[in-house]
Amino acid sequence: MMRKLVFATNNDHKLRELRQILPSEFELLSLNDIGCFEEIPETGPTLEVNASQKSFYIWNKYGINCFADDTGLEIEALFNEPGVFSARYAGEDKSADANMTKVLEKLGNQTNRKARFRCVISLVIEGVENQFEGIVDGKILTEKQGQDGFGYDPIFIPDGYLHSFAQMSSNEKNQISHRGRAVELLVDYLRNLK
């Protein structure tokens, strides 16, 4: 079974989160570990296409088995915005604070605050791709709550919980998060490889 996995991301928050989620039997390598320092293209119209674009970029250029993810926050009242544009919703500088402010301003006093985080992982092994999806439903708060996490975590509260992702410990969040659920499917798949 493969023990080493390359995670095709330049996002240190995601890398740290994945290292916490993955079982100890897997060693997670970063792009830096394989000598990849360029910005990987993310120009697709969907999470699925973006994740695939990133993993195939590494496979095609380096010939290394890897996986990549793309994640989006989908808000019902905003017709599933910001979606695939979640990281740069308020501009190309990818400011989490600016993104959250834009979401809160656009929602205003809207009573329908239903939202979901969706994570799509693209795994490429020997040039063959499999995708895994994790979803967590919840709602958007009216103001930021909590200091931990990253991205939209301070304004998202998962269904059945009293605290935002940013108020949870990383262990608690990882057990129920969209990324945690997608990684669980990824790990199950890898463990069953012959």
C-alpha atoms as a PDB file:
ATOM      1  CA  MET A   1       0.000   0.000   0.000  1.00  0.00           C
ATOM      2  CA  MET A   2       1.127   3.558  -0.708  1.00  0.00           C
ATOM      3  CA  ARG A   3       2.377   5.228   2.423  1.00  0.00           C
ATOM      4  CA  LYS A   4       3.521   8.561   1.021  1.00  0.00           C
ATOM      5  CA  LEU A   5       1.062  11.034  -0.444  1.00  0.00           C
ATOM      6  CA  VAL A   6       1.734  14.361  -2.094  1.00  0.00           C
ATOM      7  CA  PHE A   7      -0.925  16.975  -1.340  1.00  0.00           C
ATOM      8  CA  ALA A   8      -0.987  19.473  -4.207  1.00  0.00           C
ATOM      9  CA  THR A   9      -1.585  22.681  -2.288  1.00  0.00           C
ATOM     10  CA  ASN A  10       0.271  25.864  -1.385  1.00  0.00           C
ATOM     11  CA  ASN A  11      -2.168  26.508   1.474  1.00  0.00           C
ATOM     12  CA  ASP A  12      -0.370  25.948   4.795  1.00  0.00           C
ATOM     13  CA  HIS A  13      -3.692  25.846   6.698  1.00  0.00           C
ATOM     14  CA  LYS A  14      -4.978  22.990   4.523  1.00  0.00           C
ATOM     15  CA  LEU A  15      -1.675  21.141   4.793  1.00  0.00           C
ATOM     16  CA  ARG A  16      -1.681  21.381   8.591  1.00  0.00           C
ATOM     17  CA  GLU A  17      -5.320  20.271   8.742  1.00  0.00           C
ATOM     18  CA  LEU A  18      -4.681  17.279   6.473  1.00  0.00           C
ATOM     19  CA  ARG A  19      -1.685  16.202   8.552  1.00  0.00           C
ATOM     20  CA  GLN A  20      -4.013  16.102  11.567  1.00  0.00           C
ATOM     21  CA  ILE A  21      -6.753  14.193   9.722  1.00  0.00           C
ATOM     22  CA  LEU A  22      -4.681  11.532   7.915  1.00  0.00           C
ATOM     23  CA  PRO A  23      -3.954   8.349   9.879  1.00  0.00           C
ATOM     24  CA  SER A  24      -0.335   7.901  10.968  1.00  0.00           C
ATOM     25  CA  GLU A  25       0.210   5.140   8.382  1.00  0.00           C
ATOM     26  CA  PHE A  26       0.344   7.866   5.710  1.00  0.00           C
ATOM     27  CA  GLU A  27       3.120  10.403   5.301  1.00  0.00           C
ATOM     28  CA  LEU A  28       1.900  13.625   3.736  1.00  0.00           C
ATOM     29  CA  LEU A  29       4.350  15.447   1.485  1.00  0.00           C
ATOM     30  CA  SER A  30       3.930  19.074   0.498  1.00  0.00           C
ATOM     31  CA  LEU A  31       4.687  20.697  -2.850  1.00  0.00           C
ATOM     32  CA  ASN A  32       7.858  22.098  -1.269  1.00  0.00           C
ATOM     33  CA  ASP A  33       8.935  18.544  -0.418  1.00  0.00           C
ATOM     34  CA  ILE A  34       8.894  17.603  -4.126  1.00  0.00           C
ATOM     35  CA  GLY A  35      10.510  20.857  -5.281  1.00  0.00           C
ATOM     36  CA  CYS A  36       7.356  22.403  -6.740  1.00  0.00           C
ATOM     37  CA  PHE A  37       7.301  26.129  -6.001  1.00  0.00           C
ATOM     38  CA  GLU A  38       5.125  27.431  -8.825  1.00  0.00           C
ATOM     39  CA  GLU A  39       1.503  28.520  -8.494  1.00  0.00           C
ATOM     40  CA  ILE A  40      -0.719  25.679  -9.737  1.00  0.00           C
ATOM     41  CA  PRO A  41      -3.530  26.794 -12.071  1.00  0.00           C
ATOM     42  CA  GLU A  42      -7.094  26.854 -10.680  1.00  0.00           C
ATOM     43  CA  THR A  43      -9.198  28.108 -13.553  1.00  0.00           C
ATOM     44  CA  GLY A  44     -12.057  25.598 -13.674  1.00  0.00           C
ATOM     45  CA  PRO A  45     -15.761  26.473 -13.406  1.00  0.00           C
ATOM     46  CA  THR A  46     -16.407  23.833 -10.707  1.00  0.00           C
ATOM     47  CA  LEU A  47     -14.724  22.387  -7.623  1.00  0.00           C
ATOM     48  CA  GLU A  48     -14.409  19.059  -9.448  1.00  0.00           C
ATOM     49  CA  VAL A  49     -12.559  20.586 -12.406  1.00  0.00           C
ATOM     50  CA  ASN A  50     -10.250  22.659 -10.180  1.00  0.00           C
ATOM     51  CA  ALA A  51      -9.283  19.686  -8.004  1.00  0.00           C
ATOM     52  CA  SER A  52      -8.609  17.612 -11.105  1.00  0.00           C
ATOM     53  CA  GLN A  53      -6.613  20.410 -12.722  1.00  0.00           C
ATOM     54  CA  LYS A  54      -4.308  20.630  -9.707  1.00  0.00           C
ATOM     55  CA  SER A  55      -3.681  16.909  -9.262  1.00  0.00           C
ATOM     56  CA  PHE A  56      -3.053  16.333 -12.980  1.00  0.00           C
ATOM     57  CA  TYR A  57      -0.686  19.318 -13.045  1.00  0.00           C
ATOM     58  CA  ILE A  58       1.558  17.505 -10.548  1.00  0.00           C
ATOM     59  CA  TRP A  59       1.168  14.126 -12.244  1.00  0.00           C
ATOM     60  CA  ASN A  60       1.907  15.499 -15.727  1.00  0.00           C
ATOM     61  CA  LYS A  61       4.877  17.626 -14.646  1.00  0.00           C
ATOM     62  CA  TYR A  62       6.477  15.461 -11.948  1.00  0.00           C
ATOM     63  CA  GLY A  63       5.081  11.958 -12.569  1.00  0.00           C
ATOM     64  CA  ILE A  64       4.212  11.670  -8.878  1.00  0.00           C
ATOM     65  CA  ASN A  65       0.998  10.157  -7.508  1.00  0.00           C
ATOM     66  CA  CYS A  66      -0.826  12.871  -5.628  1.00  0.00           C
ATOM     67  CA  PHE A  67      -4.119  14.361  -4.582  1.00  0.00           C
ATOM     68  CA  ALA A  68      -5.542  17.863  -4.569  1.00  0.00           C
ATOM     69  CA  ASP A  69      -8.705  19.370  -3.209  1.00  0.00           C
ATOM     70  CA  ASP A  70     -10.943  22.278  -3.976  1.00  0.00           C
ATOM     71  CA  THR A  71     -13.405  23.530  -1.429  1.00  0.00           C
ATOM     72  CA  GLY A  72     -16.290  25.929  -1.626  1.00  0.00           C
ATOM     73  CA  LEU A  73     -18.844  27.515   0.647  1.00  0.00           C
ATOM     74  CA  GLU A  74     -22.296  27.378  -0.960  1.00  0.00           C
ATOM     75  CA  ILE A  75     -24.964  29.692   0.478  1.00  0.00           C
ATOM     76  CA  GLU A  76     -28.540  28.953  -0.532  1.00  0.00           C
ATOM     77  CA  ALA A  77     -29.837  32.547  -0.444  1.00  0.00           C
ATOM     78  CA  LEU A  78     -26.881  33.685  -2.607  1.00  0.00           C
ATOM     79  CA  PHE A  79     -27.605  31.046  -5.274  1.00  0.00           C
ATOM     80  CA  ASN A  80     -24.694  28.921  -4.007  1.00  0.00           C
ATOM     81  CA  GLU A  81     -22.164  31.758  -4.002  1.00  0.00           C
ATOM     82  CA  PRO A  82     -19.290  32.047  -3.333  1.00  0.00           C
ATOM     83  CA  GLY A  83     -18.850  28.409  -4.446  1.00  0.00           C
ATOM     84  CA  VAL A  84     -15.847  27.856  -6.672  1.00  0.00           C
ATOM     85  CA  PHE A  85     -14.797  31.483  -6.045  1.00  0.00           C
ATOM     86  CA  SER A  86     -14.714  31.090  -2.239  1.00  0.00           C
ATOM     87  CA  ALA A  87     -10.992  31.841  -1.805  1.00  0.00           C
ATOM     88  CA  ARG A  88     -11.101  35.027  -3.901  1.00  0.00           C
ATOM     89  CA  TYR A  89     -14.701  36.103  -3.359  1.00  0.00           C
ATOM     90  CA  ALA A  90     -13.705  39.627  -2.318  1.00  0.00           C
ATOM     91  CA  GLY A  91     -10.641  39.882  -4.565  1.00  0.00           C
ATOM     92  CA  GLU A  92      -7.480  38.234  -5.779  1.00  0.00           C
ATOM     93  CA  ASP A  93      -5.578  38.822  -2.525  1.00  0.00           C
ATOM     94  CA  LYS A  94      -7.657  35.976  -0.981  1.00  0.00           C
ATOM     95  CA  SER A  95      -8.359  37.832   2.275  1.00  0.00           C
ATOM     96  CA  ALA A  96     -10.467  35.678   4.603  1.00  0.00           C
ATOM     97  CA  ASP A  97     -11.696  38.757   6.500  1.00  0.00           C
ATOM     98  CA  ALA A  98     -12.736  40.543   3.306  1.00  0.00           C
ATOM     99  CA  ASN A  99     -14.473  37.376   2.055  1.00  0.00           C
ATOM    100  CA  MET A 100     -16.445  36.987   5.288  1.00  0.00           C
ATOM    101  CA  THR A 101     -17.379  40.673   5.312  1.00  0.00           C
ATOM    102  CA  LYS A 102     -18.689  40.407   1.747  1.00  0.00           C
ATOM    103  CA  VAL A 103     -20.798  37.348   2.628  1.00  0.00           C
ATOM    104  CA  LEU A 104     -22.267  39.025   5.719  1.00  0.00           C
ATOM    105  CA  GLU A 105     -23.027  42.219   3.782  1.00  0.00           C
ATOM    106  CA  LYS A 106     -24.674  40.362   0.893  1.00  0.00           C
ATOM    107  CA  LEU A 107     -26.817  38.299   3.272  1.00  0.00           C
ATOM    108  CA  GLY A 108     -27.773  41.346   5.346  1.00  0.00           C
ATOM    109  CA  ASN A 109     -30.936  40.563   7.318  1.00  0.00           C
ATOM    110  CA  GLN A 110     -31.780  37.532   5.177  1.00  0.00           C
ATOM    111  CA  THR A 111     -33.513  34.933   7.343  1.00  0.00           C
ATOM    112  CA  ASN A 112     -32.526  31.988   5.149  1.00  0.00           C
ATOM    113  CA  ARG A 113     -28.923  31.459   6.189  1.00  0.00           C
ATOM    114  CA  LYS A 114     -28.593  27.828   5.055  1.00  0.00           C
ATOM    115  CA  ALA A 115     -25.161  26.978   3.712  1.00  0.00           C
ATOM    116  CA  ARG A 116     -22.867  24.073   3.160  1.00  0.00           C
ATOM    117  CA  PHE A 117     -19.172  23.483   2.780  1.00  0.00           C
ATOM    118  CA  ARG A 118     -18.276  21.117  -0.039  1.00  0.00           C
ATOM    119  CA  CYS A 119     -14.836  19.585  -0.568  1.00  0.00           C
ATOM    120  CA  VAL A 120     -13.835  17.614  -3.654  1.00  0.00           C
ATOM    121  CA  ILE A 121     -10.606  15.609  -3.620  1.00  0.00           C
ATOM    122  CA  SER A 122      -8.988  14.460  -6.853  1.00  0.00           C
ATOM    123  CA  LEU A 123      -6.593  11.526  -6.411  1.00  0.00           C
ATOM    124  CA  VAL A 124      -4.331  10.630  -9.348  1.00  0.00           C
ATOM    125  CA  ILE A 125      -2.470   7.322  -9.201  1.00  0.00           C
ATOM    126  CA  GLU A 126      -0.486   6.274 -12.247  1.00  0.00           C
ATOM    127  CA  GLY A 127      -2.439   8.773 -14.329  1.00  0.00           C
ATOM    128  CA  VAL A 128      -5.861   7.455 -13.271  1.00  0.00           C
ATOM    129  CA  GLU A 129      -8.165   9.778 -11.334  1.00  0.00           C
ATOM    130  CA  ASN A 130     -10.719   9.103  -8.613  1.00  0.00           C
ATOM    131  CA  GLN A 131     -12.702  11.824  -6.890  1.00  0.00           C
ATOM    132  CA  PHE A 132     -14.143  11.936  -3.369  1.00  0.00           C
ATOM    133  CA  GLU A 133     -16.632  14.459  -1.994  1.00  0.00           C
ATOM    134  CA  GLY A 134     -17.331  15.598   1.549  1.00  0.00           C
ATOM    135  CA  ILE A 135     -20.211  17.896   2.548  1.00  0.00           C
ATOM    136  CA  VAL A 136     -21.214  19.498   5.829  1.00  0.00           C
ATOM    137  CA  ASP A 137     -24.495  21.400   6.109  1.00  0.00           C
ATOM    138  CA  GLY A 138     -24.982  24.370   8.372  1.00  0.00           C
ATOM    139  CA  LYS A 139     -25.791  28.059   8.403  1.00  0.00           C
ATOM    140  CA  ILE A 140     -24.096  31.437   8.245  1.00  0.00           C
ATOM    141  CA  LEU A 141     -23.968  33.392  11.490  1.00  0.00           C
ATOM    142  CA  THR A 142     -24.763  37.113  11.618  1.00  0.00           C
ATOM    143  CA  GLU A 143     -21.271  37.916  12.917  1.00  0.00           C
ATOM    144  CA  LYS A 144     -17.879  36.258  13.325  1.00  0.00           C
ATOM    145  CA  GLN A 145     -17.464  33.933  16.293  1.00  0.00           C
ATOM    146  CA  GLY A 146     -14.173  32.351  17.331  1.00  0.00           C
ATOM    147  CA  GLN A 147     -10.481  32.786  16.574  1.00  0.00           C
ATOM    148  CA  ASP A 148      -9.373  29.374  15.322  1.00  0.00           C
ATOM    149  CA  GLY A 149      -9.722  27.706  11.946  1.00  0.00           C
ATOM    150  CA  PHE A 150      -9.322  29.573   8.682  1.00  0.00           C
ATOM    151  CA  GLY A 151     -11.304  30.829   5.720  1.00  0.00           C
ATOM    152  CA  TYR A 152     -15.001  31.163   6.535  1.00  0.00           C
ATOM    153  CA  ASP A 153     -14.819  29.139   9.772  1.00  0.00           C
ATOM    154  CA  PRO A 154     -15.786  32.070  12.082  1.00  0.00           C
ATOM    155  CA  ILE A 155     -19.155  32.602  10.322  1.00  0.00           C
ATOM    156  CA  PHE A 156     -20.150  28.967   9.691  1.00  0.00           C
ATOM    157  CA  ILE A 157     -21.955  26.820  12.257  1.00  0.00           C
ATOM    158  CA  PRO A 158     -22.573  23.170  11.310  1.00  0.00           C
ATOM    159  CA  ASP A 159     -26.054  21.701  11.789  1.00  0.00           C
ATOM    160  CA  GLY A 160     -26.539  20.188  15.238  1.00  0.00           C
ATOM    161  CA  TYR A 161     -23.790  22.261  16.876  1.00  0.00           C
ATOM    162  CA  LEU A 162     -23.771  25.395  19.021  1.00  0.00           C
ATOM    163  CA  HIS A 163     -20.375  26.719  17.973  1.00  0.00           C
ATOM    164  CA  SER A 164     -18.791  27.929  14.740  1.00  0.00           C
ATOM    165  CA  PHE A 165     -15.953  25.952  13.185  1.00  0.00           C
ATOM    166  CA  ALA A 166     -13.616  28.663  14.518  1.00  0.00           C
ATOM    167  CA  GLN A 167     -14.752  27.966  18.104  1.00  0.00           C
ATOM    168  CA  MET A 168     -14.079  24.231  17.870  1.00  0.00           C
ATOM    169  CA  SER A 169     -10.853  22.408  18.569  1.00  0.00           C
ATOM    170  CA  SER A 170      -9.144  21.170  15.418  1.00  0.00           C
ATOM    171  CA  ASN A 171      -9.969  17.573  16.430  1.00  0.00           C
ATOM    172  CA  GLU A 172     -13.669  18.344  16.832  1.00  0.00           C
ATOM    173  CA  LYS A 173     -13.819  20.197  13.516  1.00  0.00           C
ATOM    174  CA  ASN A 174     -11.879  17.519  11.628  1.00  0.00           C
ATOM    175  CA  GLN A 175     -14.288  14.792  12.751  1.00  0.00           C
ATOM    176  CA  ILE A 176     -17.280  16.482  11.113  1.00  0.00           C
ATOM    177  CA  SER A 177     -15.839  18.787   8.469  1.00  0.00           C
ATOM    178  CA  HIS A 178     -16.318  18.549   4.725  1.00  0.00           C
ATOM    179  CA  ARG A 179     -12.583  17.992   4.262  1.00  0.00           C
ATOM    180  CA  GLY A 180     -12.498  15.370   7.003  1.00  0.00           C
ATOM    181  CA  ARG A 181     -15.338  13.469   5.327  1.00  0.00           C
ATOM    182  CA  ALA A 182     -13.704  13.604   1.892  1.00  0.00           C
ATOM    183  CA  VAL A 183     -10.369  12.454   3.351  1.00  0.00           C
ATOM    184  CA  GLU A 184     -12.113   9.551   5.079  1.00  0.00           C
ATOM    185  CA  LEU A 185     -13.345   8.327   1.672  1.00  0.00           C
ATOM    186  CA  LEU A 186      -9.861   8.852   0.208  1.00  0.00           C
ATOM    187  CA  VAL A 187      -8.229   6.811   3.003  1.00  0.00           C
ATOM    188  CA  ASP A 188     -10.793   4.011   2.650  1.00  0.00           C
ATOM    189  CA  TYR A 189     -10.015   3.847  -1.068  1.00  0.00           C
ATOM    190  CA  LEU A 190      -6.230   3.793  -0.528  1.00  0.00           C
ATOM    191  CA  ARG A 191      -6.479   1.088   2.141  1.00  0.00           C
ATOM    192  CA  ASN A 192      -8.406  -1.127  -0.271  1.00  0.00           C
ATOM    193  CA  LEU A 193      -5.888  -0.790  -3.113  1.00  0.00           C
ATOM    194  CA  LYS A 194      -4.235  -4.085  -3.993  1.00  0.00           C
END
